[in-house]
Structure formats: structure tokens, C-alpha cells
Amino acid sequence: MQDGGIQAHAIMQRLRERYLCNEHLRAEPKNPLPTLDIPSNVICEMPPLLKAYMRLGAKICGEPCWDEDFQVADVFILLKRDDL
């Protein structure tokens, strides 16, 4: 993450507001994304694939994990086949 994680945290903040699944379905990351205080005025652009999943009714199942191999934040997504 070239910006130190600011975009990932801004995207997650937006996802938590509308797309977080019920607590009993949540997953805990083994390698969580490091915490970061971000300004409230950060404009985030949702990645196209993530945006498509949200339009299909997907839910976010917890906080992102840090993928050291690819240097990205990953998030567990639940998409019910019956909702398609």
C-alpha cells in the first residue's frame, strides 16, 4: 500500500457503515491490518470488484487482514448464492 493504508482504512470505514454482516458470522484476521487514524475528509474510491460484490448484496465479515505477499489489505466477503 503506497499510501500507508489510508485508502484501505477509509474504504473499511465506509463498508462498516452499510455492509457489515451480523456478529455471529464475523471472522477475525490472523494478521490484521495495522490500525491507523485517518482524517474524516479522506475521499476513498471503492475498488471495482469490491463495488460489484456490494451491489450483489455481499456482506463484509470483519476487519481486513494484511497480505504480506502481495502488500494489500484483504477482507473476507460473504455472498449468498440465493441472493444472486
PDB file of N, CA and C in Angstrom:
ATOM      1  N   MET A   1       0.851  -1.171   0.000  1.00  0.00           N
ATOM      2  CA  MET A   1       0.000   0.000   0.000  1.00  0.00           C
ATOM      3  C   MET A   1       0.892   1.228   0.000  1.00  0.00           C
ATOM      4  N   GLN A   2       0.812   1.923  -1.077  1.00  0.00           N
ATOM      5  CA  GLN A   2       1.687   3.070  -1.256  1.00  0.00           C
ATOM      6  C   GLN A   2       1.343   4.235  -0.334  1.00  0.00           C
ATOM      7  N   ASP A   3       0.099   4.295   0.117  1.00  0.00           N
ATOM      8  CA  ASP A   3      -0.318   5.419   0.959  1.00  0.00           C
ATOM      9  C   ASP A   3      -0.258   5.096   2.445  1.00  0.00           C
ATOM     10  N   GLY A   4       0.319   3.953   2.799  1.00  0.00           N
ATOM     11  CA  GLY A   4       0.441   3.571   4.199  1.00  0.00           C
ATOM     12  C   GLY A   4      -0.831   2.986   4.795  1.00  0.00           C
ATOM     13  N   GLY A   5      -1.811   2.710   3.967  1.00  0.00           N
ATOM     14  CA  GLY A   5      -3.050   2.105   4.449  1.00  0.00           C
ATOM     15  C   GLY A   5      -4.217   3.060   4.586  1.00  0.00           C
ATOM     16  N   ILE A   6      -4.024   4.311   4.225  1.00  0.00           N
ATOM     17  CA  ILE A   6      -5.092   5.304   4.387  1.00  0.00           C
ATOM     18  C   ILE A   6      -6.328   4.915   3.586  1.00  0.00           C
ATOM     19  N   GLN A   7      -6.154   4.551   2.315  1.00  0.00           N
ATOM     20  CA  GLN A   7      -7.299   4.176   1.480  1.00  0.00           C
ATOM     21  C   GLN A   7      -7.999   2.929   2.022  1.00  0.00           C
ATOM     22  N   ALA A   8      -7.234   1.940   2.430  1.00  0.00           N
ATOM     23  CA  ALA A   8      -7.829   0.709   2.962  1.00  0.00           C
ATOM     24  C   ALA A   8      -8.681   1.011   4.190  1.00  0.00           C
ATOM     25  N   HIS A   9      -8.188   1.845   5.074  1.00  0.00           N
ATOM     26  CA  HIS A   9      -8.951   2.195   6.273  1.00  0.00           C
ATOM     27  C   HIS A   9     -10.175   3.033   5.919  1.00  0.00           C
ATOM     28  N   ALA A  10     -10.043   3.937   4.958  1.00  0.00           N
ATOM     29  CA  ALA A  10     -11.179   4.758   4.539  1.00  0.00           C
ATOM     30  C   ALA A  10     -12.259   3.889   3.899  1.00  0.00           C
ATOM     31  N   ILE A  11     -11.855   2.936   3.077  1.00  0.00           N
ATOM     32  CA  ILE A  11     -12.813   2.018   2.452  1.00  0.00           C
ATOM     33  C   ILE A  11     -13.506   1.185   3.523  1.00  0.00           C
ATOM     34  N   MET A  12     -12.753   0.670   4.475  1.00  0.00           N
ATOM     35  CA  MET A  12     -13.349  -0.142   5.543  1.00  0.00           C
ATOM     36  C   MET A  12     -14.317   0.673   6.386  1.00  0.00           C
ATOM     37  N   GLN A  13     -13.992   1.910   6.634  1.00  0.00           N
ATOM     38  CA  GLN A  13     -14.893   2.766   7.406  1.00  0.00           C
ATOM     39  C   GLN A  13     -16.236   2.877   6.675  1.00  0.00           C
ATOM     40  N   ARG A  14     -16.183   3.048   5.386  1.00  0.00           N
ATOM     41  CA  ARG A  14     -17.398   3.130   4.567  1.00  0.00           C
ATOM     42  C   ARG A  14     -18.145   1.788   4.549  1.00  0.00           C
ATOM     43  N   LEU A  15     -17.418   0.696   4.425  1.00  0.00           N
ATOM     44  CA  LEU A  15     -18.042  -0.630   4.396  1.00  0.00           C
ATOM     45  C   LEU A  15     -18.710  -0.972   5.723  1.00  0.00           C
ATOM     46  N   ARG A  16     -18.075  -0.614   6.832  1.00  0.00           N
ATOM     47  CA  ARG A  16     -18.639  -0.902   8.159  1.00  0.00           C
ATOM     48  C   ARG A  16     -20.013  -0.256   8.324  1.00  0.00           C
ATOM     49  N   GLU A  17     -20.185   0.921   7.748  1.00  0.00           N
ATOM     50  CA  GLU A  17     -21.435   1.667   7.909  1.00  0.00           C
ATOM     51  C   GLU A  17     -22.623   0.966   7.258  1.00  0.00           C
ATOM     52  N   ARG A  18     -22.396   0.249   6.153  1.00  0.00           N
ATOM     53  CA  ARG A  18     -23.525  -0.293   5.389  1.00  0.00           C
ATOM     54  C   ARG A  18     -23.483  -1.792   5.124  1.00  0.00           C
ATOM     55  N   TYR A  19     -22.316  -2.400   5.190  1.00  0.00           N
ATOM     56  CA  TYR A  19     -22.191  -3.760   4.672  1.00  0.00           C
ATOM     57  C   TYR A  19     -21.631  -4.782   5.659  1.00  0.00           C
ATOM     58  N   LEU A  20     -21.552  -4.459   6.917  1.00  0.00           N
ATOM     59  CA  LEU A  20     -21.000  -5.392   7.897  1.00  0.00           C
ATOM     60  C   LEU A  20     -22.039  -6.459   8.232  1.00  0.00           C
ATOM     61  N   CYS A  21     -21.626  -7.723   8.223  1.00  0.00           N
ATOM     62  CA  CYS A  21     -22.546  -8.831   8.494  1.00  0.00           C
ATOM     63  C   CYS A  21     -22.872  -8.901   9.986  1.00  0.00           C
ATOM     64  N   ASN A  22     -23.831  -9.765  10.307  1.00  0.00           N
ATOM     65  CA  ASN A  22     -24.185  -9.996  11.707  1.00  0.00           C
ATOM     66  C   ASN A  22     -22.969 -10.502  12.471  1.00  0.00           C
ATOM     67  N   GLU A  23     -22.933 -10.181  13.741  1.00  0.00           N
ATOM     68  CA  GLU A  23     -21.769 -10.508  14.569  1.00  0.00           C
ATOM     69  C   GLU A  23     -21.452 -12.004  14.604  1.00  0.00           C
ATOM     70  N   HIS A  24     -22.452 -12.869  14.588  1.00  0.00           N
ATOM     71  CA  HIS A  24     -22.201 -14.315  14.681  1.00  0.00           C
ATOM     72  C   HIS A  24     -21.556 -14.884  13.409  1.00  0.00           C
ATOM     73  N   LEU A  25     -21.488 -14.105  12.336  1.00  0.00           N
ATOM     74  CA  LEU A  25     -20.857 -14.552  11.089  1.00  0.00           C
ATOM     75  C   LEU A  25     -19.469 -13.948  10.865  1.00  0.00           C
ATOM     76  N   ARG A  26     -18.995 -13.158  11.786  1.00  0.00           N
ATOM     77  CA  ARG A  26     -17.738 -12.437  11.578  1.00  0.00           C
ATOM     78  C   ARG A  26     -16.509 -13.313  11.758  1.00  0.00           C
ATOM     79  N   ALA A  27     -15.480 -12.959  11.019  1.00  0.00           N
ATOM     80  CA  ALA A  27     -14.185 -13.645  11.079  1.00  0.00           C
ATOM     81  C   ALA A  27     -13.147 -12.678  11.634  1.00  0.00           C
ATOM     82  N   GLU A  28     -12.177 -13.208  12.348  1.00  0.00           N
ATOM     83  CA  GLU A  28     -11.079 -12.410  12.898  1.00  0.00           C
ATOM     84  C   GLU A  28      -9.823 -12.654  12.070  1.00  0.00           C
ATOM     85  N   PRO A  29      -9.175 -11.604  11.591  1.00  0.00           N
ATOM     86  CA  PRO A  29      -7.953 -11.810  10.799  1.00  0.00           C
ATOM     87  C   PRO A  29      -6.799 -12.287  11.669  1.00  0.00           C
ATOM     88  N   LYS A  30      -6.003 -13.209  11.140  1.00  0.00           N
ATOM     89  CA  LYS A  30      -4.812 -13.669  11.859  1.00  0.00           C
ATOM     90  C   LYS A  30      -3.710 -12.621  11.811  1.00  0.00           C
ATOM     91  N   ASN A  31      -3.662 -11.878  10.725  1.00  0.00           N
ATOM     92  CA  ASN A  31      -2.669 -10.822  10.563  1.00  0.00           C
ATOM     93  C   ASN A  31      -3.419  -9.532  10.217  1.00  0.00           C
ATOM     94  N   PRO A  32      -3.986  -8.848  11.239  1.00  0.00           N
ATOM     95  CA  PRO A  32      -4.821  -7.682  10.964  1.00  0.00           C
ATOM     96  C   PRO A  32      -4.037  -6.525  10.346  1.00  0.00           C
ATOM     97  N   LEU A  33      -4.751  -5.744   9.581  1.00  0.00           N
ATOM     98  CA  LEU A  33      -4.188  -4.522   9.037  1.00  0.00           C
ATOM     99  C   LEU A  33      -3.846  -3.612  10.212  1.00  0.00           C
ATOM    100  N   PRO A  34      -2.639  -3.045  10.254  1.00  0.00           N
ATOM    101  CA  PRO A  34      -2.283  -2.168  11.375  1.00  0.00           C
ATOM    102  C   PRO A  34      -3.275  -1.013  11.508  1.00  0.00           C
ATOM    103  N   THR A  35      -3.614  -0.675  12.746  1.00  0.00           N
ATOM    104  CA  THR A  35      -4.555   0.420  12.971  1.00  0.00           C
ATOM    105  C   THR A  35      -3.933   1.737  12.551  1.00  0.00           C
ATOM    106  N   LEU A  36      -4.799   2.654  12.190  1.00  0.00           N
ATOM    107  CA  LEU A  36      -4.347   3.936  11.667  1.00  0.00           C
ATOM    108  C   LEU A  36      -5.458   4.947  11.873  1.00  0.00           C
ATOM    109  N   ASP A  37      -5.119   6.111  12.387  1.00  0.00           N
ATOM    110  CA  ASP A  37      -6.099   7.191  12.486  1.00  0.00           C
ATOM    111  C   ASP A  37      -6.096   7.932  11.160  1.00  0.00           C
ATOM    112  N   ILE A  38      -7.274   8.011  10.547  1.00  0.00           N
ATOM    113  CA  ILE A  38      -7.351   8.699   9.262  1.00  0.00           C
ATOM    114  C   ILE A  38      -8.219   9.937   9.402  1.00  0.00           C
ATOM    115  N   PRO A  39      -7.896  10.974   8.650  1.00  0.00           N
ATOM    116  CA  PRO A  39      -8.730  12.175   8.688  1.00  0.00           C
ATOM    117  C   PRO A  39     -10.128  11.877   8.137  1.00  0.00           C
ATOM    118  N   SER A  40     -11.127  12.584   8.622  1.00  0.00           N
ATOM    119  CA  SER A  40     -12.504  12.340   8.182  1.00  0.00           C
ATOM    120  C   SER A  40     -12.760  12.815   6.758  1.00  0.00           C
ATOM    121  N   ASN A  41     -11.868  13.630   6.212  1.00  0.00           N
ATOM    122  CA  ASN A  41     -12.085  14.175   4.876  1.00  0.00           C
ATOM    123  C   ASN A  41     -11.409  13.360   3.770  1.00  0.00           C
ATOM    124  N   VAL A  42     -10.925  12.170   4.080  1.00  0.00           N
ATOM    125  CA  VAL A  42     -10.281  11.329   3.066  1.00  0.00           C
ATOM    126  C   VAL A  42     -11.347  10.810   2.106  1.00  0.00           C
ATOM    127  N   ILE A  43     -11.113  11.006   0.828  1.00  0.00           N
ATOM    128  CA  ILE A  43     -12.015  10.505  -0.202  1.00  0.00           C
ATOM    129  C   ILE A  43     -11.487   9.155  -0.665  1.00  0.00           C
ATOM    130  N   CYS A  44     -12.333   8.145  -0.578  1.00  0.00           N
ATOM    131  CA  CYS A  44     -11.894   6.812  -0.974  1.00  0.00           C
ATOM    132  C   CYS A  44     -12.663   6.355  -2.202  1.00  0.00           C
ATOM    133  N   GLU A  45     -11.968   5.645  -3.058  1.00  0.00           N
ATOM    134  CA  GLU A  45     -12.604   5.066  -4.230  1.00  0.00           C
ATOM    135  C   GLU A  45     -12.643   3.558  -4.044  1.00  0.00           C
ATOM    136  N   MET A  46     -13.847   3.027  -4.044  1.00  0.00           N
ATOM    137  CA  MET A  46     -14.033   1.597  -3.857  1.00  0.00           C
ATOM    138  C   MET A  46     -13.484   0.846  -5.070  1.00  0.00           C
ATOM    139  N   PRO A  47     -12.662  -0.183  -4.855  1.00  0.00           N
ATOM    140  CA  PRO A  47     -12.187  -0.988  -5.987  1.00  0.00           C
ATOM    141  C   PRO A  47     -13.379  -1.590  -6.745  1.00  0.00           C
ATOM    142  N   PRO A  48     -13.291  -1.670  -8.082  1.00  0.00           N
ATOM    143  CA  PRO A  48     -14.426  -2.137  -8.888  1.00  0.00           C
ATOM    144  C   PRO A  48     -14.967  -3.511  -8.486  1.00  0.00           C
ATOM    145  N   LEU A  49     -14.107  -4.465  -8.195  1.00  0.00           N
ATOM    146  CA  LEU A  49     -14.585  -5.795  -7.825  1.00  0.00           C
ATOM    147  C   LEU A  49     -15.342  -5.763  -6.501  1.00  0.00           C
ATOM    148  N   LEU A  50     -14.825  -5.023  -5.540  1.00  0.00           N
ATOM    149  CA  LEU A  50     -15.487  -4.893  -4.244  1.00  0.00           C
ATOM    150  C   LEU A  50     -16.837  -4.197  -4.412  1.00  0.00           C
ATOM    151  N   LYS A  51     -16.872  -3.166  -5.229  1.00  0.00           N
ATOM    152  CA  LYS A  51     -18.118  -2.450  -5.504  1.00  0.00           C
ATOM    153  C   LYS A  51     -19.153  -3.396  -6.127  1.00  0.00           C
ATOM    154  N   ALA A  52     -18.718  -4.241  -7.042  1.00  0.00           N
ATOM    155  CA  ALA A  52     -19.628  -5.196  -7.679  1.00  0.00           C
ATOM    156  C   ALA A  52     -20.197  -6.177  -6.656  1.00  0.00           C
ATOM    157  N   TYR A  53     -19.355  -6.686  -5.766  1.00  0.00           N
ATOM    158  CA  TYR A  53     -19.839  -7.596  -4.724  1.00  0.00           C
ATOM    159  C   TYR A  53     -20.889  -6.919  -3.844  1.00  0.00           C
ATOM    160  N   MET A  54     -20.660  -5.677  -3.470  1.00  0.00           N
ATOM    161  CA  MET A  54     -21.604  -4.968  -2.615  1.00  0.00           C
ATOM    162  C   MET A  54     -22.937  -4.773  -3.335  1.00  0.00           C
ATOM    163  N   ARG A  55     -22.896  -4.493  -4.633  1.00  0.00           N
ATOM    164  CA  ARG A  55     -24.137  -4.341  -5.409  1.00  0.00           C
ATOM    165  C   ARG A  55     -24.930  -5.641  -5.469  1.00  0.00           C
ATOM    166  N   LEU A  56     -24.234  -6.767  -5.417  1.00  0.00           N
ATOM    167  CA  LEU A  56     -24.897  -8.074  -5.453  1.00  0.00           C
ATOM    168  C   LEU A  56     -25.446  -8.495  -4.089  1.00  0.00           C
ATOM    169  N   GLY A  57     -25.196  -7.692  -3.060  1.00  0.00           N
ATOM    170  CA  GLY A  57     -25.712  -7.991  -1.733  1.00  0.00           C
ATOM    171  C   GLY A  57     -24.718  -8.632  -0.787  1.00  0.00           C
ATOM    172  N   ALA A  58     -23.447  -8.616  -1.127  1.00  0.00           N
ATOM    173  CA  ALA A  58     -22.422  -9.214  -0.268  1.00  0.00           C
ATOM    174  C   ALA A  58     -22.304  -8.457   1.053  1.00  0.00           C
ATOM    175  N   LYS A  59     -21.801  -9.156   2.048  1.00  0.00           N
ATOM    176  CA  LYS A  59     -21.541  -8.569   3.363  1.00  0.00           C
ATOM    177  C   LYS A  59     -20.071  -8.738   3.704  1.00  0.00           C
ATOM    178  N   ILE A  60     -19.547  -7.795   4.449  1.00  0.00           N
ATOM    179  CA  ILE A  60     -18.171  -7.843   4.931  1.00  0.00           C
ATOM    180  C   ILE A  60     -18.188  -8.560   6.275  1.00  0.00           C
ATOM    181  N   CYS A  61     -17.308  -9.532   6.435  1.00  0.00           N
ATOM    182  CA  CYS A  61     -17.331 -10.389   7.628  1.00  0.00           C
ATOM    183  C   CYS A  61     -16.250 -10.049   8.638  1.00  0.00           C
ATOM    184  N   GLY A  62     -15.876  -8.797   8.740  1.00  0.00           N
ATOM    185  CA  GLY A  62     -14.913  -8.402   9.753  1.00  0.00           C
ATOM    186  C   GLY A  62     -13.844  -7.478   9.221  1.00  0.00           C
ATOM    187  N   GLU A  63     -12.860  -7.289  10.027  1.00  0.00           N
ATOM    188  CA  GLU A  63     -11.775  -6.368   9.706  1.00  0.00           C
ATOM    189  C   GLU A  63     -10.823  -6.967   8.670  1.00  0.00           C
ATOM    190  N   PRO A  64     -10.124  -6.112   7.941  1.00  0.00           N
ATOM    191  CA  PRO A  64      -9.206  -6.610   6.907  1.00  0.00           C
ATOM    192  C   PRO A  64      -7.950  -7.232   7.503  1.00  0.00           C
ATOM    193  N   CYS A  65      -7.359  -8.110   6.723  1.00  0.00           N
ATOM    194  CA  CYS A  65      -6.065  -8.670   7.107  1.00  0.00           C
ATOM    195  C   CYS A  65      -5.008  -8.119   6.155  1.00  0.00           C
ATOM    196  N   TRP A  66      -3.781  -8.163   6.591  1.00  0.00           N
ATOM    197  CA  TRP A  66      -2.660  -7.683   5.800  1.00  0.00           C
ATOM    198  C   TRP A  66      -2.045  -8.866   5.065  1.00  0.00           C
ATOM    199  N   ASP A  67      -2.018  -8.781   3.732  1.00  0.00           N
ATOM    200  CA  ASP A  67      -1.424  -9.815   2.889  1.00  0.00           C
ATOM    201  C   ASP A  67       0.001  -9.380   2.564  1.00  0.00           C
ATOM    202  N   GLU A  68       0.956  -9.943   3.284  1.00  0.00           N
ATOM    203  CA  GLU A  68       2.355  -9.537   3.129  1.00  0.00           C
ATOM    204  C   GLU A  68       2.915  -9.890   1.759  1.00  0.00           C
ATOM    205  N   ASP A  69       2.473 -11.012   1.186  1.00  0.00           N
ATOM    206  CA  ASP A  69       2.997 -11.435  -0.114  1.00  0.00           C
ATOM    207  C   ASP A  69       2.668 -10.437  -1.216  1.00  0.00           C
ATOM    208  N   PHE A  70       1.453  -9.916  -1.209  1.00  0.00           N
ATOM    209  CA  PHE A  70       1.013  -9.008  -2.267  1.00  0.00           C
ATOM    210  C   PHE A  70       0.962  -7.549  -1.821  1.00  0.00           C
ATOM    211  N   GLN A  71       1.251  -7.300  -0.535  1.00  0.00           N
ATOM    212  CA  GLN A  71       1.263  -5.945   0.013  1.00  0.00           C
ATOM    213  C   GLN A  71      -0.085  -5.239  -0.169  1.00  0.00           C
ATOM    214  N   VAL A  72      -1.156  -5.963   0.185  1.00  0.00           N
ATOM    215  CA  VAL A  72      -2.514  -5.426   0.084  1.00  0.00           C
ATOM    216  C   VAL A  72      -3.318  -5.814   1.320  1.00  0.00           C
ATOM    217  N   ALA A  73      -4.434  -5.136   1.497  1.00  0.00           N
ATOM    218  CA  ALA A  73      -5.385  -5.499   2.544  1.00  0.00           C
ATOM    219  C   ALA A  73      -6.450  -6.390   1.918  1.00  0.00           C
ATOM    220  N   ASP A  74      -6.763  -7.503   2.571  1.00  0.00           N
ATOM    221  CA  ASP A  74      -7.805  -8.426   2.117  1.00  0.00           C
ATOM    222  C   ASP A  74      -8.934  -8.431   3.138  1.00  0.00           C
ATOM    223  N   VAL A  75     -10.140  -8.633   2.650  1.00  0.00           N
ATOM    224  CA  VAL A  75     -11.292  -8.688   3.540  1.00  0.00           C
ATOM    225  C   VAL A  75     -12.129  -9.915   3.172  1.00  0.00           C
ATOM    226  N   PHE A  76     -12.658 -10.582   4.198  1.00  0.00           N
ATOM    227  CA  PHE A  76     -13.494 -11.760   3.991  1.00  0.00           C
ATOM    228  C   PHE A  76     -14.896 -11.292   3.614  1.00  0.00           C
ATOM    229  N   ILE A  77     -15.406 -11.810   2.497  1.00  0.00           N
ATOM    230  CA  ILE A  77     -16.704 -11.388   1.975  1.00  0.00           C
ATOM    231  C   ILE A  77     -17.642 -12.584   1.927  1.00  0.00           C
ATOM    232  N   LEU A  78     -18.883 -12.362   2.328  1.00  0.00           N
ATOM    233  CA  LEU A  78     -19.913 -13.391   2.275  1.00  0.00           C
ATOM    234  C   LEU A  78     -20.959 -12.967   1.248  1.00  0.00           C
ATOM    235  N   LEU A  79     -21.157 -13.814   0.251  1.00  0.00           N
ATOM    236  CA  LEU A  79     -22.171 -13.564  -0.772  1.00  0.00           C
ATOM    237  C   LEU A  79     -23.036 -14.812  -0.873  1.00  0.00           C
ATOM    238  N   LYS A  80     -24.281 -14.678  -0.499  1.00  0.00           N
ATOM    239  CA  LYS A  80     -25.196 -15.818  -0.542  1.00  0.00           C
ATOM    240  C   LYS A  80     -25.605 -16.092  -1.986  1.00  0.00           C
ATOM    241  N   ARG A  81     -25.413 -17.301  -2.390  1.00  0.00           N
ATOM    242  CA  ARG A  81     -25.754 -17.702  -3.755  1.00  0.00           C
ATOM    243  C   ARG A  81     -27.238 -17.459  -4.033  1.00  0.00           C
ATOM    244  N   ASP A  82     -28.087 -17.685  -3.050  1.00  0.00           N
ATOM    245  CA  ASP A  82     -29.530 -17.498  -3.233  1.00  0.00           C
ATOM    246  C   ASP A  82     -29.914 -16.040  -3.472  1.00  0.00           C
ATOM    247  N   ASP A  83     -29.029 -15.115  -3.114  1.00  0.00           N
ATOM    248  CA  ASP A  83     -29.301 -13.690  -3.321  1.00  0.00           C
ATOM    249  C   ASP A  83     -28.987 -13.233  -4.740  1.00  0.00           C
ATOM    250  N   LEU A  84     -28.350 -14.089  -5.515  1.00  0.00           N
ATOM    251  CA  LEU A  84     -27.979 -13.704  -6.882  1.00  0.00           C
ATOM    252  C   LEU A  84     -29.168 -13.756  -7.816  1.00  0.00           C
TER     253      LEU A  84
END
